[in-house]
Amino acid sequence: MPSPRSARTVVIATTLAALLAACQSAPVTLLADPNAILAAAATTTASATAVHVDVSGDGRLGLDALGTGVVTPIDLRGSTAAADLDLAGRATRATFALPGLLGLGGEIVAVQDVVYLKTTLTGPKYRATPAGPAGASPAPSAGSPLKGLADLLARTDLQPTKGADASCAGGTCYTITIALTAAELGSLGTGVRLPANLPIQVPDLANAGIDLTLHVDQATTRLSDVHAVVHLGAVGEPSVDLTFTKWNEPPSIAAPPADQVEPAG
């Protein structure tokens, strides 16, 4: 007959074993079909309530930086941006720096259907612009900043290719590559309308092609990062890296104080 001490030891050991078993996460069911991986990522992207995105650029890009019709090659090395997206509250705060473009930098805050833009070329105060077109309600056009991405991931006609698994911020990621033609790129809706008072001309993507490499976290099927190479012909072939973190962690975003906004008119 076991002693009281040995009986207590057995009970404690059994309890600890049960607790450890309960704490272990369920095994991940790995996906082999690249379309199934993208479909799962589309679901987590479309249902997200918040995310943080870090962006870095490289390569060269021809821009009409001064609006004179003269295209100047811009070195995108060192270009960065960071954005907090409150998708549930429909608010965004982003900063950007383009050292190769006259040292351009700035901040964008979008809240309550108004976009506030401040740059090193426009002065120390924000300039406010409605998010929608003039004379129309801005709410429908504001959309979700991730709408175009979710729509892309949900498509089944893009012939994605699954590559080798890769290490990523969340652990291990699927690797998916996609080559987008100009027609496929043009058919994507982004749900985002850029402010009309940007101090530089945005390149026309109507004839662009993009090669995408996406990493999708195997445990959560959330996007971890995206590498994009944009083929713009004579305009350039820049590359962009996006890293997604803080999924569903809502940021605190508010409109700038009134004394930091340029008066209308």
Foldseek 3Di string as FASTA:
>chain_A
DDDPVVVVVVVVVVVVVVVVVVPDDDDFDFDDDLLVLLQLQLVLLVPFQKWKKKKAKAWWFWFPLQPPPDTDIFGRHPKIKIKIARQNQLKMKMKIFRCRRVRKIWIWIAHPQKIWTDIPVPDQFTEIDGQCDPPDDSVQLAAGQCQLVSVVSNDDPFPKDWDDWDQFPVGIWTKIKTKFFLVRVVVGDRSGDDDPPDSTDDDDSNGKIKIKIWTADSRNSHTAKMKIWIHDDPRITMIMIMGMDPTNPHDDGDDDPPVRYDDDD
